[in-house]
PDB file of N, CA and C in Angstrom:
ATOM      1  N   MET A   1      81.474  74.470  43.965  1.00  0.00           N
ATOM      2  CA  MET A   1      81.294  74.652  45.605  1.00  0.00           C
ATOM      3  C   MET A   1      82.009  73.691  45.373  1.00  0.00           C
ATOM      4  N   ARG A   2      81.089  72.114  44.832  1.00  0.00           N
ATOM      5  CA  ARG A   2      81.670  70.951  45.163  1.00  0.00           C
ATOM      6  C   ARG A   2      83.101  70.490  44.626  1.00  0.00           C
ATOM      7  N   ALA A   3      83.832  71.177  43.894  1.00  0.00           N
ATOM      8  CA  ALA A   3      84.281  71.289  43.983  1.00  0.00           C
ATOM      9  C   ALA A   3      85.777  71.743  44.262  1.00  0.00           C
ATOM     10  N   LEU A   4      85.556  72.708  45.476  1.00  0.00           N
ATOM     11  CA  LEU A   4      86.558  72.982  46.519  1.00  0.00           C
ATOM     12  C   LEU A   4      86.481  72.867  47.169  1.00  0.00           C
ATOM     13  N   ALA A   5      85.380  72.154  47.724  1.00  0.00           N
ATOM     14  CA  ALA A   5      85.170  71.306  49.114  1.00  0.00           C
ATOM     15  C   ALA A   5      86.127  70.228  48.487  1.00  0.00           C
ATOM     16  N   ALA A   6      86.094  69.048  47.653  1.00  0.00           N
ATOM     17  CA  ALA A   6      86.970  68.284  47.690  1.00  0.00           C
ATOM     18  C   ALA A   6      88.737  68.347  47.579  1.00  0.00           C
ATOM     19  N   LEU A   7      88.989  69.767  46.861  1.00  0.00           N
ATOM     20  CA  LEU A   7      90.440  69.964  46.800  1.00  0.00           C
ATOM     21  C   LEU A   7      90.763  70.556  47.953  1.00  0.00           C
ATOM     22  N   SER A   8      89.841  71.637  48.985  1.00  0.00           N
ATOM     23  CA  SER A   8      90.038  71.429  50.320  1.00  0.00           C
ATOM     24  C   SER A   8      90.301  70.622  50.804  1.00  0.00           C
ATOM     25  N   ARG A   9      89.355  68.762  50.788  1.00  0.00           N
ATOM     26  CA  ARG A   9      89.446  68.020  51.938  1.00  0.00           C
ATOM     27  C   ARG A   9      90.896  67.500  51.370  1.00  0.00           C
ATOM     28  N   PHE A  10      91.776  67.354  49.992  1.00  0.00           N
ATOM     29  CA  PHE A  10      92.337  66.746  49.405  1.00  0.00           C
ATOM     30  C   PHE A  10      93.780  67.218  49.389  1.00  0.00           C
ATOM     31  N   VAL A  11      93.671  68.406  49.656  1.00  0.00           N
ATOM     32  CA  VAL A  11      94.580  69.262  50.259  1.00  0.00           C
ATOM     33  C   VAL A  11      94.808  69.040  52.096  1.00  0.00           C
ATOM     34  N   GLY A  12      93.825  69.761  52.376  1.00  0.00           N
ATOM     35  CA  GLY A  12      93.666  69.188  54.045  1.00  0.00           C
ATOM     36  C   GLY A  12      94.816  67.437  54.680  1.00  0.00           C
ATOM     37  N   ASN A  13      93.875  66.237  53.620  1.00  0.00           N
ATOM     38  CA  ASN A  13      94.345  64.542  53.543  1.00  0.00           C
ATOM     39  C   ASN A  13      96.159  65.269  53.525  1.00  0.00           C
ATOM     40  N   THR A  14      96.474  64.867  52.500  1.00  0.00           N
ATOM     41  CA  THR A  14      97.406  64.986  51.927  1.00  0.00           C
ATOM     42  C   THR A  14      98.435  66.387  52.624  1.00  0.00           C
ATOM     43  N   PHE A  15      98.109  67.070  53.593  1.00  0.00           N
ATOM     44  CA  PHE A  15      99.527  68.668  52.916  1.00  0.00           C
ATOM     45  C   PHE A  15     100.164  68.657  54.015  1.00  0.00           C
ATOM     46  N   ALA A  16     100.344  67.667  55.172  1.00  0.00           N
ATOM     47  CA  ALA A  16     102.153  67.079  55.768  1.00  0.00           C
ATOM     48  C   ALA A  16     102.477  66.077  55.041  1.00  0.00           C
ATOM     49  N   LEU A  17     102.355  65.263  53.963  1.00  0.00           N
ATOM     50  CA  LEU A  17     102.538  64.998  52.793  1.00  0.00           C
ATOM     51  C   LEU A  17     104.031  65.545  51.806  1.00  0.00           C
ATOM     52  N   TRP A  18     103.112  66.375  50.946  1.00  0.00           N
ATOM     53  CA  TRP A  18     104.060  67.578  50.261  1.00  0.00           C
ATOM     54  C   TRP A  18     104.532  68.942  50.941  1.00  0.00           C
ATOM     55  N   VAL A  19     104.206  68.611  52.375  1.00  0.00           N
ATOM     56  CA  VAL A  19     105.394  68.954  53.181  1.00  0.00           C
ATOM     57  C   VAL A  19     106.872  69.092  52.983  1.00  0.00           C
ATOM     58  N   LEU A  20     106.502  67.329  53.571  1.00  0.00           N
ATOM     59  CA  LEU A  20     107.475  67.238  53.695  1.00  0.00           C
ATOM     60  C   LEU A  20     108.552  66.419  52.593  1.00  0.00           C
ATOM     61  N   VAL A  21     107.723  66.643  51.180  1.00  0.00           N
ATOM     62  CA  VAL A  21     108.129  66.148  49.929  1.00  0.00           C
ATOM     63  C   VAL A  21     109.167  67.450  49.600  1.00  0.00           C
ATOM     64  N   PHE A  22     108.693  68.490  49.624  1.00  0.00           N
ATOM     65  CA  PHE A  22     108.999  69.732  49.203  1.00  0.00           C
ATOM     66  C   PHE A  22     110.379  70.016  50.101  1.00  0.00           C
ATOM     67  N   ALA A  23     109.974  69.531  51.550  1.00  0.00           N
ATOM     68  CA  ALA A  23     111.366  70.377  52.537  1.00  0.00           C
ATOM     69  C   ALA A  23     112.553  69.656  52.535  1.00  0.00           C
ATOM     70  N   VAL A  24     112.349  68.178  51.649  1.00  0.00           N
ATOM     71  CA  VAL A  24     113.404  66.842  51.554  1.00  0.00           C
ATOM     72  C   VAL A  24     113.677  67.217  49.728  1.00  0.00           C
ATOM     73  N   LEU A  25     113.138  67.414  49.421  1.00  0.00           N
ATOM     74  CA  LEU A  25     113.547  68.169  47.832  1.00  0.00           C
ATOM     75  C   LEU A  25     114.353  69.631  47.790  1.00  0.00           C
ATOM     76  N   ALA A  26     114.408  70.184  48.850  1.00  0.00           N
ATOM     77  CA  ALA A  26     114.690  71.357  49.616  1.00  0.00           C
ATOM     78  C   ALA A  26     116.279  70.509  49.704  1.00  0.00           C
ATOM     79  N   PHE A  27     116.130  69.949  51.097  1.00  0.00           N
ATOM     80  CA  PHE A  27     117.943  69.567  51.425  1.00  0.00           C
ATOM     81  C   PHE A  27     118.211  69.336  50.202  1.00  0.00           C
ATOM     82  N   LEU A  28     117.397  68.280  49.314  1.00  0.00           N
ATOM     83  CA  LEU A  28     118.654  67.501  48.273  1.00  0.00           C
ATOM     84  C   LEU A  28     119.227  69.191  47.199  1.00  0.00           C
ATOM     85  N   MET A  29     118.010  69.123  47.190  1.00  0.00           N
ATOM     86  CA  MET A  29     118.256  70.268  46.129  1.00  0.00           C
ATOM     87  C   MET A  29     118.146  71.391  46.191  1.00  0.00           C
ATOM     88  N   PRO A  30     119.202  72.447  47.089  1.00  0.00           N
ATOM     89  CA  PRO A  30     118.837  73.218  47.104  1.00  0.00           C
ATOM     90  C   PRO A  30     118.860  74.454  46.783  1.00  0.00           C
ATOM     91  N   GLN A  31     119.949  74.063  44.915  1.00  0.00           N
ATOM     92  CA  GLN A  31     119.799  75.165  43.869  1.00  0.00           C
ATOM     93  C   GLN A  31     118.223  74.875  43.601  1.00  0.00           C
ATOM     94  N   TRP A  32     117.004  74.640  43.207  1.00  0.00           N
ATOM     95  CA  TRP A  32     116.574  74.409  42.812  1.00  0.00           C
ATOM     96  C   TRP A  32     115.393  75.504  43.784  1.00  0.00           C
ATOM     97  N   PHE A  33     115.991  75.813  45.025  1.00  0.00           N
ATOM     98  CA  PHE A  33     115.323  76.716  44.661  1.00  0.00           C
ATOM     99  C   PHE A  33     115.419  78.176  45.613  1.00  0.00           C
ATOM    100  N   ILE A  34     116.110  78.124  45.261  1.00  0.00           N
ATOM    101  CA  ILE A  34     117.404  79.929  45.127  1.00  0.00           C
ATOM    102  C   ILE A  34     116.511  81.309  44.956  1.00  0.00           C
ATOM    103  N   ALA A  35     115.527  80.483  43.703  1.00  0.00           N
ATOM    104  CA  ALA A  35     114.602  81.767  43.128  1.00  0.00           C
ATOM    105  C   ALA A  35     114.132  82.070  44.086  1.00  0.00           C
ATOM    106  N   LEU A  36     113.122  80.758  44.823  1.00  0.00           N
ATOM    107  CA  LEU A  36     112.248  81.276  45.486  1.00  0.00           C
ATOM    108  C   LEU A  36     112.568  82.443  47.115  1.00  0.00           C
ATOM    109  N   LYS A  37     113.500  82.505  47.043  1.00  0.00           N
ATOM    110  CA  LYS A  37     114.143  83.411  48.016  1.00  0.00           C
ATOM    111  C   LYS A  37     112.572  84.739  48.497  1.00  0.00           C
ATOM    112  N   VAL A  38     113.180  84.921  47.807  1.00  0.00           N
ATOM    113  CA  VAL A  38     111.954  86.275  47.593  1.00  0.00           C
ATOM    114  C   VAL A  38     110.318  86.253  47.734  1.00  0.00           C
ATOM    115  N   ALA A  39     110.109  85.046  48.009  1.00  0.00           N
ATOM    116  CA  ALA A  39     109.033  84.222  48.234  1.00  0.00           C
ATOM    117  C   ALA A  39     108.382  83.581  49.568  1.00  0.00           C
ATOM    118  N   ILE A  40     110.070  83.519  50.350  1.00  0.00           N
ATOM    119  CA  ILE A  40     109.276  82.659  51.283  1.00  0.00           C
ATOM    120  C   ILE A  40     108.176  82.900  52.176  1.00  0.00           C
ATOM    121  N   VAL A  41     108.197  84.863  52.191  1.00  0.00           N
ATOM    122  CA  VAL A  41     107.232  85.458  53.358  1.00  0.00           C
ATOM    123  C   VAL A  41     105.392  84.799  52.551  1.00  0.00           C
ATOM    124  N   PRO A  42     105.370  85.275  51.422  1.00  0.00           N
ATOM    125  CA  PRO A  42     103.770  84.103  50.605  1.00  0.00           C
ATOM    126  C   PRO A  42     103.859  82.817  50.979  1.00  0.00           C
ATOM    127  N   LEU A  43     105.285  82.070  50.342  1.00  0.00           N
ATOM    128  CA  LEU A  43     104.824  80.987  50.465  1.00  0.00           C
ATOM    129  C   LEU A  43     104.556  80.218  52.112  1.00  0.00           C
ATOM    130  N   LEU A  44     104.854  80.720  52.765  1.00  0.00           N
ATOM    131  CA  LEU A  44     105.503  80.521  54.459  1.00  0.00           C
ATOM    132  C   LEU A  44     103.519  81.099  54.605  1.00  0.00           C
ATOM    133  N   GLY A  45     103.217  81.725  54.044  1.00  0.00           N
ATOM    134  CA  GLY A  45     101.430  81.934  54.532  1.00  0.00           C
ATOM    135  C   GLY A  45     100.596  81.197  53.955  1.00  0.00           C
ATOM    136  N   LEU A  46     101.446  80.920  53.310  1.00  0.00           N
ATOM    137  CA  LEU A  46     100.755  79.423  51.636  1.00  0.00           C
ATOM    138  C   LEU A  46     100.587  78.148  53.054  1.00  0.00           C
ATOM    139  N   VAL A  47     101.559  77.639  53.327  1.00  0.00           N
ATOM    140  CA  VAL A  47     101.792  76.606  54.171  1.00  0.00           C
ATOM    141  C   VAL A  47     100.664  77.317  55.825  1.00  0.00           C
ATOM    142  N   MET A  48     100.266  78.031  55.768  1.00  0.00           N
ATOM    143  CA  MET A  48      99.680  78.510  57.527  1.00  0.00           C
ATOM    144  C   MET A  48      98.223  78.724  56.891  1.00  0.00           C
ATOM    145  N   PHE A  49      97.863  78.675  55.626  1.00  0.00           N
ATOM    146  CA  PHE A  49      96.762  79.023  54.977  1.00  0.00           C
ATOM    147  C   PHE A  49      95.971  76.844  54.946  1.00  0.00           C
ATOM    148  N   GLY A  50      97.060  76.373  54.452  1.00  0.00           N
ATOM    149  CA  GLY A  50      97.633  74.842  54.357  1.00  0.00           C
ATOM    150  C   GLY A  50      96.725  74.387  55.715  1.00  0.00           C
ATOM    151  N   MET A  51      97.843  74.901  56.697  1.00  0.00           N
ATOM    152  CA  MET A  51      97.293  74.474  57.977  1.00  0.00           C
ATOM    153  C   MET A  51      96.086  73.727  58.642  1.00  0.00           C
ATOM    154  N   GLY A  52      95.645  75.275  58.118  1.00  0.00           N
ATOM    155  CA  GLY A  52      94.576  76.246  58.883  1.00  0.00           C
ATOM    156  C   GLY A  52      93.334  75.212  57.516  1.00  0.00           C
ATOM    157  N   LEU A  53      93.347  74.642  56.831  1.00  0.00           N
ATOM    158  CA  LEU A  53      92.485  74.405  56.176  1.00  0.00           C
ATOM    159  C   LEU A  53      91.740  73.060  56.591  1.00  0.00           C
ATOM    160  N   THR A  54      93.202  72.094  57.486  1.00  0.00           N
ATOM    161  CA  THR A  54      92.954  71.220  58.058  1.00  0.00           C
ATOM    162  C   THR A  54      91.764  71.179  59.529  1.00  0.00           C
ATOM    163  N   LEU A  55      91.556  72.995  59.667  1.00  0.00           N
ATOM    164  CA  LEU A  55      91.360  72.212  61.425  1.00  0.00           C
ATOM    165  C   LEU A  55      89.588  72.236  61.193  1.00  0.00           C
ATOM    166  N   LYS A  56      88.487  72.285  61.762  1.00  0.00           N
ATOM    167  CA  LYS A  56      87.766  71.495  62.345  1.00  0.00           C
ATOM    168  C   LYS A  56      87.315  72.359  63.382  1.00  0.00           C
ATOM    169  N   LEU A  57      86.191  72.193  63.324  1.00  0.00           N
ATOM    170  CA  LEU A  57      84.942  72.935  64.939  1.00  0.00           C
ATOM    171  C   LEU A  57      85.820  72.490  66.291  1.00  0.00           C
ATOM    172  N   ASP A  58      85.306  71.309  65.643  1.00  0.00           N
ATOM    173  CA  ASP A  58      85.880  70.640  67.014  1.00  0.00           C
ATOM    174  C   ASP A  58      87.041  70.397  68.024  1.00  0.00           C
ATOM    175  N   ASP A  59      88.072  71.241  67.109  1.00  0.00           N
ATOM    176  CA  ASP A  59      89.346  71.731  67.199  1.00  0.00           C
ATOM    177  C   ASP A  59      89.442  73.453  68.180  1.00  0.00           C
ATOM    178  N   PHE A  60      88.636  74.005  67.731  1.00  0.00           N
ATOM    179  CA  PHE A  60      88.343  75.217  68.423  1.00  0.00           C
ATOM    180  C   PHE A  60      87.353  75.361  69.661  1.00  0.00           C
ATOM    181  N   ALA A  61      86.659  73.474  69.291  1.00  0.00           N
ATOM    182  CA  ALA A  61      85.744  72.887  71.007  1.00  0.00           C
ATOM    183  C   ALA A  61      86.547  73.123  71.864  1.00  0.00           C
ATOM    184  N   ALA A  62      87.880  71.806  71.489  1.00  0.00           N
ATOM    185  CA  ALA A  62      88.834  71.788  72.359  1.00  0.00           C
ATOM    186  C   ALA A  62      89.397  73.109  72.500  1.00  0.00           C
ATOM    187  N   LEU A  63      89.585  73.541  72.053  1.00  0.00           N
ATOM    188  CA  LEU A  63      89.993  75.164  72.620  1.00  0.00           C
ATOM    189  C   LEU A  63      90.018  75.713  73.753  1.00  0.00           C
ATOM    190  N   ALA A  64      88.907  75.513  73.557  1.00  0.00           N
ATOM    191  CA  ALA A  64      87.642  76.393  74.306  1.00  0.00           C
ATOM    192  C   ALA A  64      88.379  75.450  75.412  1.00  0.00           C
ATOM    193  N   ARG A  65      87.660  74.354  75.803  1.00  0.00           N
ATOM    194  CA  ARG A  65      87.677  73.645  77.132  1.00  0.00           C
ATOM    195  C   ARG A  65      88.515  73.507  77.596  1.00  0.00           C
ATOM    196  N   GLN A  66      89.979  74.100  77.422  1.00  0.00           N
ATOM    197  CA  GLN A  66      91.371  73.755  77.661  1.00  0.00           C
ATOM    198  C   GLN A  66      91.877  74.735  77.170  1.00  0.00           C
ATOM    199  N   PRO A  67      91.757  76.459  77.511  1.00  0.00           N
ATOM    200  CA  PRO A  67      92.635  77.257  77.160  1.00  0.00           C
ATOM    201  C   PRO A  67      93.515  77.641  77.298  1.00  0.00           C
ATOM    202  N   TRP A  68      93.959  76.674  78.427  1.00  0.00           N
ATOM    203  CA  TRP A  68      95.648  76.722  78.774  1.00  0.00           C
ATOM    204  C   TRP A  68      97.363  75.992  78.202  1.00  0.00           C
ATOM    205  N   ARG A  69      95.889  74.808  76.962  1.00  0.00           N
ATOM    206  CA  ARG A  69      97.132  74.354  76.009  1.00  0.00           C
ATOM    207  C   ARG A  69      97.466  75.874  75.188  1.00  0.00           C
ATOM    208  N   VAL A  70      97.171  76.608  74.606  1.00  0.00           N
ATOM    209  CA  VAL A  70      97.377  78.164  74.462  1.00  0.00           C
ATOM    210  C   VAL A  70      98.447  78.424  75.455  1.00  0.00           C
ATOM    211  N   ALA A  71      98.285  78.978  75.760  1.00  0.00           N
ATOM    212  CA  ALA A  71      99.213  79.372  77.287  1.00  0.00           C
ATOM    213  C   ALA A  71     100.536  78.803  77.141  1.00  0.00           C
ATOM    214  N   LEU A  72     100.174  77.399  77.327  1.00  0.00           N
ATOM    215  CA  LEU A  72     101.491  76.645  77.686  1.00  0.00           C
ATOM    216  C   LEU A  72     102.416  77.255  75.908  1.00  0.00           C
ATOM    217  N   GLY A  73     101.615  76.631  75.153  1.00  0.00           N
ATOM    218  CA  GLY A  73     102.307  77.434  73.465  1.00  0.00           C
ATOM    219  C   GLY A  73     102.832  78.437  73.589  1.00  0.00           C
ATOM    220  N   VAL A  74     101.949  79.264  73.862  1.00  0.00           N
ATOM    221  CA  VAL A  74     102.824  80.991  73.968  1.00  0.00           C
ATOM    222  C   VAL A  74     104.342  81.028  75.262  1.00  0.00           C
ATOM    223  N   VAL A  75     103.905  80.848  76.356  1.00  0.00           N
ATOM    224  CA  VAL A  75     105.254  80.629  77.535  1.00  0.00           C
ATOM    225  C   VAL A  75     105.870  79.333  75.978  1.00  0.00           C
ATOM    226  N   ALA A  76     106.016  78.519  75.493  1.00  0.00           N
ATOM    227  CA  ALA A  76     106.843  77.692  75.204  1.00  0.00           C
ATOM    228  C   ALA A  76     107.343  78.802  73.951  1.00  0.00           C
ATOM    229  N   HIS A  77     107.018  79.010  73.264  1.00  0.00           N
ATOM    230  CA  HIS A  77     107.251  79.652  71.829  1.00  0.00           C
ATOM    231  C   HIS A  77     107.969  81.198  72.610  1.00  0.00           C
ATOM    232  N   PHE A  78     107.755  82.132  73.383  1.00  0.00           N
ATOM    233  CA  PHE A  78     108.958  83.612  73.921  1.00  0.00           C
ATOM    234  C   PHE A  78     108.580  83.347  75.062  1.00  0.00           C
ATOM    235  N   VAL A  79     109.099  82.044  76.228  1.00  0.00           N
ATOM    236  CA  VAL A  79     109.979  81.557  77.076  1.00  0.00           C
ATOM    237  C   VAL A  79     111.259  80.570  76.842  1.00  0.00           C
ATOM    238  N   ILE A  80     110.566  79.532  76.711  1.00  0.00           N
ATOM    239  CA  ILE A  80     111.166  78.300  76.108  1.00  0.00           C
ATOM    240  C   ILE A  80     112.262  77.925  75.490  1.00  0.00           C
ATOM    241  N   MET A  81     111.584  78.678  74.062  1.00  0.00           N
ATOM    242  CA  MET A  81     112.725  78.648  73.088  1.00  0.00           C
ATOM    243  C   MET A  81     113.861  79.615  72.806  1.00  0.00           C
ATOM    244  N   PRO A  82     113.595  80.857  73.254  1.00  0.00           N
ATOM    245  CA  PRO A  82     114.778  81.831  73.530  1.00  0.00           C
ATOM    246  C   PRO A  82     115.632  81.484  73.651  1.00  0.00           C
ATOM    247  N   GLY A  83     114.363  81.071  74.977  1.00  0.00           N
ATOM    248  CA  GLY A  83     115.903  80.559  76.567  1.00  0.00           C
ATOM    249  C   GLY A  83     116.745  79.830  76.142  1.00  0.00           C
ATOM    250  N   MET A  84     115.939  78.849  74.794  1.00  0.00           N
ATOM    251  CA  MET A  84     117.081  76.845  74.778  1.00  0.00           C
ATOM    252  C   MET A  84     117.950  78.251  73.383  1.00  0.00           C
ATOM    253  N   ALA A  85     117.569  79.045  72.880  1.00  0.00           N
ATOM    254  CA  ALA A  85     118.497  79.361  72.054  1.00  0.00           C
ATOM    255  C   ALA A  85     119.800  79.760  72.787  1.00  0.00           C
ATOM    256  N   TRP A  86     119.719  80.408  73.484  1.00  0.00           N
ATOM    257  CA  TRP A  86     120.437  80.730  74.409  1.00  0.00           C
ATOM    258  C   TRP A  86     121.460  80.368  75.036  1.00  0.00           C
ATOM    259  N   LEU A  87     121.039  78.888  75.908  1.00  0.00           N
ATOM    260  CA  LEU A  87     121.760  78.430  76.322  1.00  0.00           C
ATOM    261  C   LEU A  87     122.266  77.498  74.813  1.00  0.00           C
ATOM    262  N   LEU A  88     121.883  77.067  74.720  1.00  0.00           N
ATOM    263  CA  LEU A  88     122.586  76.709  73.325  1.00  0.00           C
ATOM    264  C   LEU A  88     124.060  77.201  72.504  1.00  0.00           C
ATOM    265  N   SER A  89     123.539  78.597  72.898  1.00  0.00           N
ATOM    266  CA  SER A  89     124.328  79.963  72.131  1.00  0.00           C
ATOM    267  C   SER A  89     125.935  80.209  73.177  1.00  0.00           C
ATOM    268  N   THR A  90     124.945  80.026  74.447  1.00  0.00           N
ATOM    269  CA  THR A  90     126.629  80.348  75.455  1.00  0.00           C
ATOM    270  C   THR A  90     127.016  79.675  76.048  1.00  0.00           C
ATOM    271  N   CYS A  91     126.273  78.149  75.347  1.00  0.00           N
ATOM    272  CA  CYS A  91     127.558  76.952  75.569  1.00  0.00           C
ATOM    273  C   CYS A  91     127.899  75.990  74.511  1.00  0.00           C
ATOM    274  N   ARG A  92     127.988  76.648  73.115  1.00  0.00           N
ATOM    275  CA  ARG A  92     128.890  77.069  72.469  1.00  0.00           C
ATOM    276  C   ARG A  92     129.920  77.874  72.785  1.00  0.00           C
ATOM    277  N   ARG A  93     129.848  78.887  73.344  1.00  0.00           N
ATOM    278  CA  ARG A  93     130.648  80.676  73.178  1.00  0.00           C
ATOM    279  C   ARG A  93     129.917  81.275  72.427  1.00  0.00           C
ATOM    280  N   LYS A  94     129.331  81.351  71.857  1.00  0.00           N
ATOM    281  CA  LYS A  94     129.180  81.773  70.623  1.00  0.00           C
ATOM    282  C   LYS A  94     127.589  83.649  71.077  1.00  0.00           C
ATOM    283  N   SER A  95     128.457  84.029  70.903  1.00  0.00           N
ATOM    284  CA  SER A  95     127.171  85.913  70.935  1.00  0.00           C
ATOM    285  C   SER A  95     125.988  85.374  70.860  1.00  0.00           C
ATOM    286  N   PRO A  96     124.776  85.310  71.535  1.00  0.00           N
ATOM    287  CA  PRO A  96     123.263  84.962  70.951  1.00  0.00           C
ATOM    288  C   PRO A  96     123.202  86.087  69.944  1.00  0.00           C
ATOM    289  N   TRP A  97     123.323  87.590  69.634  1.00  0.00           N
ATOM    290  CA  TRP A  97     123.093  88.148  68.631  1.00  0.00           C
ATOM    291  C   TRP A  97     123.868  88.002  67.893  1.00  0.00           C
ATOM    292  N   ALA A  98     124.364  87.326  67.491  1.00  0.00           N
ATOM    293  CA  ALA A  98     125.814  87.398  66.496  1.00  0.00           C
ATOM    294  C   ALA A  98     124.304  86.056  65.134  1.00  0.00           C
TER     295      ALA A  98
END
């Protein structure tokens, strides 16, 4: 159990670094990652799991104290982001469905 806690702590402390390293590698050498196309969904799940490992109970307590932040995130995700995509596609005179 102690080893699992140590691994979790290591992953939590260095997770952002690993994401950046692999993002840069994928940008510079995309051919290395072509075979992983079929694994995108499970890999995104792994990324989300890794992000979840970094959460602490205090993070959830902060959400309980300020639930408006969750509402703001939902609005940003479902209103602002699609709206900006529509605006940018309209400005570039491209169909938003293309």
